[in-house]
Amino acid sequence: MKGNDTEQFVIKGSKYRVVSKNGDGTPIISTGEFRGYAAFASEIAIAVKLDTADGTEGRMRFIPYHAILAIDVIAMAPQKAKEESKESQVYYG
């Protein structure tokens, strides 16, 4: 990957399987739609709307970034093309 590559890999609306660590050492597996980031005091977390069949479907789960062990991509949401603002357009006369 190039150093100036600005493609975002974790995007809203995409479906992921996130493995994170638990306080007792066992992993927690969260499957669902990435909804964004959340800040709690000095901690940053990702927000995942769960879609599992174990009774947690529809719940929001906040996973602190330092607890994430792995993120598997299940389905990527289509990325919206960035529209250029009028200030960044160049006109030639």
PDB file of N, CA and C in Angstrom:
ATOM      1  N   MET A   1       0.842  -1.176   0.000  1.00  0.00           N
ATOM      2  CA  MET A   1       0.000   0.000   0.000  1.00  0.00           C
ATOM      3  C   MET A   1       0.885   1.236   0.000  1.00  0.00           C
ATOM      4  N   LYS A   2       0.516   2.213  -0.772  1.00  0.00           N
ATOM      5  CA  LYS A   2       1.265   3.454  -0.861  1.00  0.00           C
ATOM      6  C   LYS A   2       1.048   4.279   0.393  1.00  0.00           C
ATOM      7  N   GLY A   3       2.045   5.080   0.736  1.00  0.00           N
ATOM      8  CA  GLY A   3       1.941   5.938   1.902  1.00  0.00           C
ATOM      9  C   GLY A   3       0.883   7.012   1.758  1.00  0.00           C
ATOM     10  N   ASN A   4       0.593   7.420   0.533  1.00  0.00           N
ATOM     11  CA  ASN A   4      -0.393   8.483   0.332  1.00  0.00           C
ATOM     12  C   ASN A   4      -1.748   7.926  -0.082  1.00  0.00           C
ATOM     13  N   ASP A   5      -1.943   6.632   0.026  1.00  0.00           N
ATOM     14  CA  ASP A   5      -3.217   6.006  -0.335  1.00  0.00           C
ATOM     15  C   ASP A   5      -4.254   6.391   0.719  1.00  0.00           C
ATOM     16  N   THR A   6      -5.349   7.002   0.290  1.00  0.00           N
ATOM     17  CA  THR A   6      -6.352   7.489   1.229  1.00  0.00           C
ATOM     18  C   THR A   6      -7.598   6.621   1.267  1.00  0.00           C
ATOM     19  N   GLU A   7      -7.558   5.463   0.655  1.00  0.00           N
ATOM     20  CA  GLU A   7      -8.720   4.575   0.682  1.00  0.00           C
ATOM     21  C   GLU A   7      -8.976   4.132   2.115  1.00  0.00           C
ATOM     22  N   GLN A   8     -10.219   4.196   2.526  1.00  0.00           N
ATOM     23  CA  GLN A   8     -10.606   3.814   3.871  1.00  0.00           C
ATOM     24  C   GLN A   8     -11.104   2.377   3.835  1.00  0.00           C
ATOM     25  N   PHE A   9     -10.579   1.529   4.703  1.00  0.00           N
ATOM     26  CA  PHE A   9     -10.927   0.117   4.677  1.00  0.00           C
ATOM     27  C   PHE A   9     -12.057  -0.232   5.630  1.00  0.00           C
ATOM     28  N   VAL A  10     -12.212   0.497   6.717  1.00  0.00           N
ATOM     29  CA  VAL A  10     -13.316   0.277   7.644  1.00  0.00           C
ATOM     30  C   VAL A  10     -14.295   1.419   7.389  1.00  0.00           C
ATOM     31  N   ILE A  11     -15.371   1.106   6.647  1.00  0.00           N
ATOM     32  CA  ILE A  11     -16.301   2.165   6.256  1.00  0.00           C
ATOM     33  C   ILE A  11     -17.701   1.874   6.777  1.00  0.00           C
ATOM     34  N   LYS A  12     -18.437   2.943   7.047  1.00  0.00           N
ATOM     35  CA  LYS A  12     -19.799   2.813   7.555  1.00  0.00           C
ATOM     36  C   LYS A  12     -20.651   2.013   6.585  1.00  0.00           C
ATOM     37  N   GLY A  13     -21.476   1.159   7.153  1.00  0.00           N
ATOM     38  CA  GLY A  13     -22.380   0.346   6.349  1.00  0.00           C
ATOM     39  C   GLY A  13     -21.805  -0.995   5.947  1.00  0.00           C
ATOM     40  N   SER A  14     -20.503  -1.193   6.102  1.00  0.00           N
ATOM     41  CA  SER A  14     -19.891  -2.479   5.775  1.00  0.00           C
ATOM     42  C   SER A  14     -20.116  -3.463   6.915  1.00  0.00           C
ATOM     43  N   LYS A  15     -20.097  -4.744   6.573  1.00  0.00           N
ATOM     44  CA  LYS A  15     -20.311  -5.794   7.563  1.00  0.00           C
ATOM     45  C   LYS A  15     -18.966  -6.427   7.917  1.00  0.00           C
ATOM     46  N   TYR A  16     -18.705  -6.535   9.214  1.00  0.00           N
ATOM     47  CA  TYR A  16     -17.435  -7.060   9.699  1.00  0.00           C
ATOM     48  C   TYR A  16     -17.664  -8.090  10.792  1.00  0.00           C
ATOM     49  N   ARG A  17     -16.648  -8.902  10.981  1.00  0.00           N
ATOM     50  CA  ARG A  17     -16.568  -9.835  12.115  1.00  0.00           C
ATOM     51  C   ARG A  17     -15.369  -9.358  12.917  1.00  0.00           C
ATOM     52  N   VAL A  18     -15.625  -8.877  14.135  1.00  0.00           N
ATOM     53  CA  VAL A  18     -14.570  -8.310  14.971  1.00  0.00           C
ATOM     54  C   VAL A  18     -14.291  -9.252  16.132  1.00  0.00           C
ATOM     55  N   VAL A  19     -13.034  -9.623  16.289  1.00  0.00           N
ATOM     56  CA  VAL A  19     -12.606 -10.437  17.420  1.00  0.00           C
ATOM     57  C   VAL A  19     -11.888  -9.495  18.380  1.00  0.00           C
ATOM     58  N   SER A  20     -12.370  -9.459  19.609  1.00  0.00           N
ATOM     59  CA  SER A  20     -11.764  -8.581  20.612  1.00  0.00           C
ATOM     60  C   SER A  20     -11.511  -9.366  21.890  1.00  0.00           C
ATOM     61  N   LYS A  21     -10.624  -8.827  22.710  1.00  0.00           N
ATOM     62  CA  LYS A  21     -10.302  -9.544  23.948  1.00  0.00           C
ATOM     63  C   LYS A  21     -11.272  -9.157  25.058  1.00  0.00           C
ATOM     64  N   ASN A  22     -11.517 -10.125  25.906  1.00  0.00           N
ATOM     65  CA  ASN A  22     -12.406  -9.998  27.047  1.00  0.00           C
ATOM     66  C   ASN A  22     -11.546  -9.871  28.299  1.00  0.00           C
ATOM     67  N   GLY A  23     -12.122  -9.421  29.383  1.00  0.00           N
ATOM     68  CA  GLY A  23     -11.370  -9.280  30.630  1.00  0.00           C
ATOM     69  C   GLY A  23     -10.817 -10.590  31.161  1.00  0.00           C
ATOM     70  N   ASP A  24     -11.479 -11.707  30.864  1.00  0.00           N
ATOM     71  CA  ASP A  24     -11.016 -12.999  31.375  1.00  0.00           C
ATOM     72  C   ASP A  24     -10.129 -13.759  30.391  1.00  0.00           C
ATOM     73  N   GLY A  25      -9.782 -13.133  29.276  1.00  0.00           N
ATOM     74  CA  GLY A  25      -8.877 -13.766  28.323  1.00  0.00           C
ATOM     75  C   GLY A  25      -9.547 -14.474  27.164  1.00  0.00           C
ATOM     76  N   THR A  26     -10.862 -14.711  27.251  1.00  0.00           N
ATOM     77  CA  THR A  26     -11.552 -15.352  26.132  1.00  0.00           C
ATOM     78  C   THR A  26     -11.939 -14.285  25.107  1.00  0.00           C
ATOM     79  N   PRO A  27     -11.902 -14.626  23.832  1.00  0.00           N
ATOM     80  CA  PRO A  27     -12.254 -13.626  22.812  1.00  0.00           C
ATOM     81  C   PRO A  27     -13.768 -13.428  22.703  1.00  0.00           C
ATOM     82  N   ILE A  28     -14.147 -12.220  22.344  1.00  0.00           N
ATOM     83  CA  ILE A  28     -15.540 -11.892  22.043  1.00  0.00           C
ATOM     84  C   ILE A  28     -15.623 -11.725  20.536  1.00  0.00           C
ATOM     85  N   ILE A  29     -16.590 -12.367  19.908  1.00  0.00           N
ATOM     86  CA  ILE A  29     -16.775 -12.242  18.470  1.00  0.00           C
ATOM     87  C   ILE A  29     -18.038 -11.433  18.228  1.00  0.00           C
ATOM     88  N   SER A  30     -17.890 -10.325  17.511  1.00  0.00           N
ATOM     89  CA  SER A  30     -19.006  -9.434  17.206  1.00  0.00           C
ATOM     90  C   SER A  30     -19.160  -9.370  15.697  1.00  0.00           C
ATOM     91  N   THR A  31     -20.333  -9.714  15.196  1.00  0.00           N
ATOM     92  CA  THR A  31     -20.596  -9.664  13.761  1.00  0.00           C
ATOM     93  C   THR A  31     -21.707  -8.665  13.517  1.00  0.00           C
ATOM     94  N   GLY A  32     -21.448  -7.721  12.609  1.00  0.00           N
ATOM     95  CA  GLY A  32     -22.480  -6.746  12.310  1.00  0.00           C
ATOM     96  C   GLY A  32     -21.975  -5.618  11.443  1.00  0.00           C
ATOM     97  N   GLU A  33     -22.780  -4.573  11.392  1.00  0.00           N
ATOM     98  CA  GLU A  33     -22.520  -3.421  10.523  1.00  0.00           C
ATOM     99  C   GLU A  33     -21.748  -2.352  11.289  1.00  0.00           C
ATOM    100  N   PHE A  34     -20.654  -1.896  10.708  1.00  0.00           N
ATOM    101  CA  PHE A  34     -19.870  -0.813  11.298  1.00  0.00           C
ATOM    102  C   PHE A  34     -20.662   0.474  11.187  1.00  0.00           C
ATOM    103  N   ARG A  35     -20.883   1.154  12.318  1.00  0.00           N
ATOM    104  CA  ARG A  35     -21.680   2.374  12.327  1.00  0.00           C
ATOM    105  C   ARG A  35     -20.858   3.630  12.570  1.00  0.00           C
ATOM    106  N   GLY A  36     -19.611   3.489  12.999  1.00  0.00           N
ATOM    107  CA  GLY A  36     -18.778   4.667  13.220  1.00  0.00           C
ATOM    108  C   GLY A  36     -17.898   4.509  14.446  1.00  0.00           C
ATOM    109  N   TYR A  37     -17.361   5.630  14.881  1.00  0.00           N
ATOM    110  CA  TYR A  37     -16.457   5.664  16.032  1.00  0.00           C
ATOM    111  C   TYR A  37     -17.136   6.395  17.176  1.00  0.00           C
ATOM    112  N   ALA A  38     -16.737   6.064  18.401  1.00  0.00           N
ATOM    113  CA  ALA A  38     -17.280   6.720  19.586  1.00  0.00           C
ATOM    114  C   ALA A  38     -16.135   7.027  20.534  1.00  0.00           C
ATOM    115  N   ALA A  39     -16.262   8.110  21.258  1.00  0.00           N
ATOM    116  CA  ALA A  39     -15.253   8.499  22.240  1.00  0.00           C
ATOM    117  C   ALA A  39     -15.859   8.414  23.633  1.00  0.00           C
ATOM    118  N   PHE A  40     -15.145   7.765  24.524  1.00  0.00           N
ATOM    119  CA  PHE A  40     -15.531   7.666  25.930  1.00  0.00           C
ATOM    120  C   PHE A  40     -14.348   8.149  26.748  1.00  0.00           C
ATOM    121  N   ALA A  41     -14.448   9.358  27.275  1.00  0.00           N
ATOM    122  CA  ALA A  41     -13.338   9.985  27.999  1.00  0.00           C
ATOM    123  C   ALA A  41     -12.106   9.977  27.091  1.00  0.00           C
ATOM    124  N   SER A  42     -11.063   9.261  27.471  1.00  0.00           N
ATOM    125  CA  SER A  42      -9.851   9.226  26.636  1.00  0.00           C
ATOM    126  C   SER A  42      -9.784   7.987  25.749  1.00  0.00           C
ATOM    127  N   GLU A  43     -10.834   7.185  25.728  1.00  0.00           N
ATOM    128  CA  GLU A  43     -10.872   5.961  24.930  1.00  0.00           C
ATOM    129  C   GLU A  43     -11.627   6.177  23.622  1.00  0.00           C
ATOM    130  N   ILE A  44     -11.176   5.526  22.571  1.00  0.00           N
ATOM    131  CA  ILE A  44     -11.866   5.519  21.285  1.00  0.00           C
ATOM    132  C   ILE A  44     -12.355   4.094  21.052  1.00  0.00           C
ATOM    133  N   ALA A  45     -13.583   3.971  20.553  1.00  0.00           N
ATOM    134  CA  ALA A  45     -14.162   2.658  20.289  1.00  0.00           C
ATOM    135  C   ALA A  45     -14.816   2.661  18.916  1.00  0.00           C
ATOM    136  N   ILE A  46     -14.983   1.463  18.364  1.00  0.00           N
ATOM    137  CA  ILE A  46     -15.773   1.341  17.146  1.00  0.00           C
ATOM    138  C   ILE A  46     -17.173   0.916  17.556  1.00  0.00           C
ATOM    139  N   ALA A  47     -18.165   1.365  16.801  1.00  0.00           N
ATOM    140  CA  ALA A  47     -19.554   1.022  17.081  1.00  0.00           C
ATOM    141  C   ALA A  47     -20.026   0.037  16.021  1.00  0.00           C
ATOM    142  N   VAL A  48     -20.527  -1.104  16.466  1.00  0.00           N
ATOM    143  CA  VAL A  48     -21.003  -2.155  15.577  1.00  0.00           C
ATOM    144  C   VAL A  48     -22.445  -2.482  15.942  1.00  0.00           C
ATOM    145  N   LYS A  49     -23.341  -2.426  14.959  1.00  0.00           N
ATOM    146  CA  LYS A  49     -24.724  -2.855  15.170  1.00  0.00           C
ATOM    147  C   LYS A  49     -24.761  -4.349  14.902  1.00  0.00           C
ATOM    148  N   LEU A  50     -24.996  -5.123  15.942  1.00  0.00           N
ATOM    149  CA  LEU A  50     -24.902  -6.580  15.863  1.00  0.00           C
ATOM    150  C   LEU A  50     -26.028  -7.184  15.042  1.00  0.00           C
ATOM    151  N   ASP A  51     -25.697  -8.278  14.350  1.00  0.00           N
ATOM    152  CA  ASP A  51     -26.703  -8.987  13.559  1.00  0.00           C
ATOM    153  C   ASP A  51     -26.630 -10.486  13.773  1.00  0.00           C
ATOM    154  N   THR A  52     -26.190 -10.896  14.940  1.00  0.00           N
ATOM    155  CA  THR A  52     -26.063 -12.316  15.237  1.00  0.00           C
ATOM    156  C   THR A  52     -27.398 -12.899  15.664  1.00  0.00           C
ATOM    157  N   ALA A  53     -27.511 -14.191  15.585  1.00  0.00           N
ATOM    158  CA  ALA A  53     -28.753 -14.896  15.912  1.00  0.00           C
ATOM    159  C   ALA A  53     -28.796 -15.334  17.381  1.00  0.00           C
ATOM    160  N   ASP A  54     -27.877 -14.846  18.204  1.00  0.00           N
ATOM    161  CA  ASP A  54     -27.842 -15.284  19.608  1.00  0.00           C
ATOM    162  C   ASP A  54     -28.611 -14.356  20.547  1.00  0.00           C
ATOM    163  N   GLY A  55     -29.540 -13.577  20.008  1.00  0.00           N
ATOM    164  CA  GLY A  55     -30.348 -12.696  20.838  1.00  0.00           C
ATOM    165  C   GLY A  55     -29.815 -11.288  20.946  1.00  0.00           C
ATOM    166  N   THR A  56     -28.666 -11.011  20.338  1.00  0.00           N
ATOM    167  CA  THR A  56     -28.086  -9.669  20.417  1.00  0.00           C
ATOM    168  C   THR A  56     -28.369  -8.848  19.165  1.00  0.00           C
ATOM    169  N   GLU A  57     -29.130  -9.396  18.238  1.00  0.00           N
ATOM    170  CA  GLU A  57     -29.402  -8.720  16.976  1.00  0.00           C
ATOM    171  C   GLU A  57     -30.020  -7.344  17.214  1.00  0.00           C
ATOM    172  N   GLY A  58     -29.491  -6.349  16.524  1.00  0.00           N
ATOM    173  CA  GLY A  58     -30.007  -4.988  16.633  1.00  0.00           C
ATOM    174  C   GLY A  58     -29.368  -4.160  17.734  1.00  0.00           C
ATOM    175  N   ARG A  59     -28.639  -4.776  18.610  1.00  0.00           N
ATOM    176  CA  ARG A  59     -27.960  -4.038  19.685  1.00  0.00           C
ATOM    177  C   ARG A  59     -26.697  -3.381  19.151  1.00  0.00           C
ATOM    178  N   MET A  60     -26.354  -2.267  19.769  1.00  0.00           N
ATOM    179  CA  MET A  60     -25.092  -1.606  19.439  1.00  0.00           C
ATOM    180  C   MET A  60     -24.027  -2.099  20.407  1.00  0.00           C
ATOM    181  N   ARG A  61     -22.860  -2.411  19.865  1.00  0.00           N
ATOM    182  CA  ARG A  61     -21.732  -2.814  20.699  1.00  0.00           C
ATOM    183  C   ARG A  61     -20.591  -1.841  20.434  1.00  0.00           C
ATOM    184  N   PHE A  62     -20.019  -1.332  21.508  1.00  0.00           N
ATOM    185  CA  PHE A  62     -18.869  -0.443  21.412  1.00  0.00           C
ATOM    186  C   PHE A  62     -17.637  -1.236  21.824  1.00  0.00           C
ATOM    187  N   ILE A  63     -16.676  -1.307  20.919  1.00  0.00           N
ATOM    188  CA  ILE A  63     -15.477  -2.108  21.153  1.00  0.00           C
ATOM    189  C   ILE A  63     -14.281  -1.164  21.213  1.00  0.00           C
ATOM    190  N   PRO A  64     -13.621  -1.053  22.382  1.00  0.00           N
ATOM    191  CA  PRO A  64     -12.456  -0.176  22.477  1.00  0.00           C
ATOM    192  C   PRO A  64     -11.372  -0.614  21.495  1.00  0.00           C
ATOM    193  N   TYR A  65     -10.741   0.372  20.853  1.00  0.00           N
ATOM    194  CA  TYR A  65      -9.767   0.040  19.809  1.00  0.00           C
ATOM    195  C   TYR A  65      -8.621  -0.805  20.338  1.00  0.00           C
ATOM    196  N   HIS A  66      -8.219  -0.608  21.595  1.00  0.00           N
ATOM    197  CA  HIS A  66      -7.081  -1.373  22.135  1.00  0.00           C
ATOM    198  C   HIS A  66      -7.436  -2.835  22.400  1.00  0.00           C
ATOM    199  N   ALA A  67      -8.738  -3.170  22.393  1.00  0.00           N
ATOM    200  CA  ALA A  67      -9.165  -4.553  22.641  1.00  0.00           C
ATOM    201  C   ALA A  67      -9.330  -5.356  21.354  1.00  0.00           C
ATOM    202  N   ILE A  68      -9.240  -4.702  20.190  1.00  0.00           N
ATOM    203  CA  ILE A  68      -9.461  -5.386  18.913  1.00  0.00           C
ATOM    204  C   ILE A  68      -8.263  -6.265  18.576  1.00  0.00           C
ATOM    205  N   LEU A  69      -8.547  -7.542  18.308  1.00  0.00           N
ATOM    206  CA  LEU A  69      -7.509  -8.486  17.906  1.00  0.00           C
ATOM    207  C   LEU A  69      -7.493  -8.698  16.398  1.00  0.00           C
ATOM    208  N   ALA A  70      -8.686  -8.717  15.779  1.00  0.00           N
ATOM    209  CA  ALA A  70      -8.774  -8.953  14.331  1.00  0.00           C
ATOM    210  C   ALA A  70     -10.097  -8.418  13.812  1.00  0.00           C
ATOM    211  N   ILE A  71     -10.076  -7.982  12.552  1.00  0.00           N
ATOM    212  CA  ILE A  71     -11.303  -7.561  11.869  1.00  0.00           C
ATOM    213  C   ILE A  71     -11.354  -8.287  10.537  1.00  0.00           C
ATOM    214  N   ASP A  72     -12.412  -9.079  10.330  1.00  0.00           N
ATOM    215  CA  ASP A  72     -12.631  -9.783   9.076  1.00  0.00           C
ATOM    216  C   ASP A  72     -13.709  -9.045   8.294  1.00  0.00           C
ATOM    217  N   VAL A  73     -13.461  -8.825   7.021  1.00  0.00           N
ATOM    218  CA  VAL A  73     -14.442  -8.168   6.158  1.00  0.00           C
ATOM    219  C   VAL A  73     -15.409  -9.230   5.645  1.00  0.00           C
ATOM    220  N   ILE A  74     -16.694  -9.012   5.871  1.00  0.00           N
ATOM    221  CA  ILE A  74     -17.721  -9.925   5.362  1.00  0.00           C
ATOM    222  C   ILE A  74     -18.313  -9.352   4.085  1.00  0.00           C
ATOM    223  N   ALA A  75     -18.685  -8.068   4.117  1.00  0.00           N
ATOM    224  CA  ALA A  75     -19.255  -7.413   2.935  1.00  0.00           C
ATOM    225  C   ALA A  75     -18.959  -5.919   3.008  1.00  0.00           C
ATOM    226  N   MET A  76     -18.373  -5.388   1.950  1.00  0.00           N
ATOM    227  CA  MET A  76     -18.059  -3.961   1.904  1.00  0.00           C
ATOM    228  C   MET A  76     -19.253  -3.182   1.375  1.00  0.00           C
ATOM    229  N   ALA A  77     -19.539  -2.066   2.005  1.00  0.00           N
ATOM    230  CA  ALA A  77     -20.572  -1.156   1.518  1.00  0.00           C
ATOM    231  C   ALA A  77     -19.992  -0.371   0.345  1.00  0.00           C
ATOM    232  N   PRO A  78     -20.818   0.005  -0.609  1.00  0.00           N
ATOM    233  CA  PRO A  78     -20.295   0.805  -1.723  1.00  0.00           C
ATOM    234  C   PRO A  78     -19.826   2.160  -1.214  1.00  0.00           C
ATOM    235  N   GLN A  79     -18.658   2.582  -1.688  1.00  0.00           N
ATOM    236  CA  GLN A  79     -18.131   3.880  -1.283  1.00  0.00           C
ATOM    237  C   GLN A  79     -18.688   4.946  -2.191  1.00  0.00           C
ATOM    238  N   LYS A  80     -19.078   6.062  -1.594  1.00  0.00           N
ATOM    239  CA  LYS A  80     -19.586   7.187  -2.362  1.00  0.00           C
ATOM    240  C   LYS A  80     -18.412   7.935  -2.966  1.00  0.00           C
ATOM    241  N   ALA A  81     -18.551   8.308  -4.222  1.00  0.00           N
ATOM    242  CA  ALA A  81     -17.504   9.098  -4.865  1.00  0.00           C
ATOM    243  C   ALA A  81     -17.495  10.483  -4.243  1.00  0.00           C
ATOM    244  N   LYS A  82     -16.305  10.979  -3.969  1.00  0.00           N
ATOM    245  CA  LYS A  82     -16.182  12.312  -3.385  1.00  0.00           C
ATOM    246  C   LYS A  82     -16.437  13.353  -4.459  1.00  0.00           C
ATOM    247  N   GLU A  83     -17.322  14.266  -4.130  1.00  0.00           N
ATOM    248  CA  GLU A  83     -17.595  15.349  -5.060  1.00  0.00           C
ATOM    249  C   GLU A  83     -16.613  16.481  -4.793  1.00  0.00           C
ATOM    250  N   GLU A  84     -16.107  17.050  -5.857  1.00  0.00           N
ATOM    251  CA  GLU A  84     -15.195  18.171  -5.694  1.00  0.00           C
ATOM    252  C   GLU A  84     -15.978  19.409  -5.323  1.00  0.00           C
ATOM    253  N   SER A  85     -15.460  20.146  -4.359  1.00  0.00           N
ATOM    254  CA  SER A  85     -16.114  21.400  -4.015  1.00  0.00           C
ATOM    255  C   SER A  85     -15.773  22.430  -5.091  1.00  0.00           C
ATOM    256  N   LYS A  86     -16.595  23.453  -5.191  1.00  0.00           N
ATOM    257  CA  LYS A  86     -16.374  24.474  -6.216  1.00  0.00           C
ATOM    258  C   LYS A  86     -15.049  25.204  -5.989  1.00  0.00           C
ATOM    259  N   GLU A  87     -14.599  25.272  -4.738  1.00  0.00           N
ATOM    260  CA  GLU A  87     -13.339  25.948  -4.453  1.00  0.00           C
ATOM    261  C   GLU A  87     -12.152  25.175  -5.019  1.00  0.00           C
ATOM    262  N   SER A  88     -12.289  23.846  -5.137  1.00  0.00           N
ATOM    263  CA  SER A  88     -11.147  23.051  -5.602  1.00  0.00           C
ATOM    264  C   SER A  88     -11.146  22.830  -7.098  1.00  0.00           C
ATOM    265  N   GLN A  89     -12.174  23.312  -7.796  1.00  0.00           N
ATOM    266  CA  GLN A  89     -12.230  23.149  -9.245  1.00  0.00           C
ATOM    267  C   GLN A  89     -11.389  24.214  -9.911  1.00  0.00           C
ATOM    268  N   VAL A  90     -10.805  23.823 -11.048  1.00  0.00           N
ATOM    269  CA  VAL A  90      -9.990  24.764 -11.803  1.00  0.00           C
ATOM    270  C   VAL A  90     -10.740  25.113 -13.074  1.00  0.00           C
ATOM    271  N   TYR A  91     -10.815  26.409 -13.378  1.00  0.00           N
ATOM    272  CA  TYR A  91     -11.508  26.870 -14.580  1.00  0.00           C
ATOM    273  C   TYR A  91     -10.484  27.488 -15.522  1.00  0.00           C
ATOM    274  N   TYR A  92     -10.589  27.132 -16.781  1.00  0.00           N
ATOM    275  CA  TYR A  92      -9.706  27.692 -17.780  1.00  0.00           C
ATOM    276  C   TYR A  92     -10.538  28.521 -18.746  1.00  0.00           C
ATOM    277  N   GLY A  93     -10.061  29.680 -19.119  1.00  0.00           N
ATOM    278  CA  GLY A  93     -10.834  30.564 -19.988  1.00  0.00           C
ATOM    279  C   GLY A  93     -10.215  30.802 -21.329  1.00  0.00           C
TER     280      GLY A  93
END
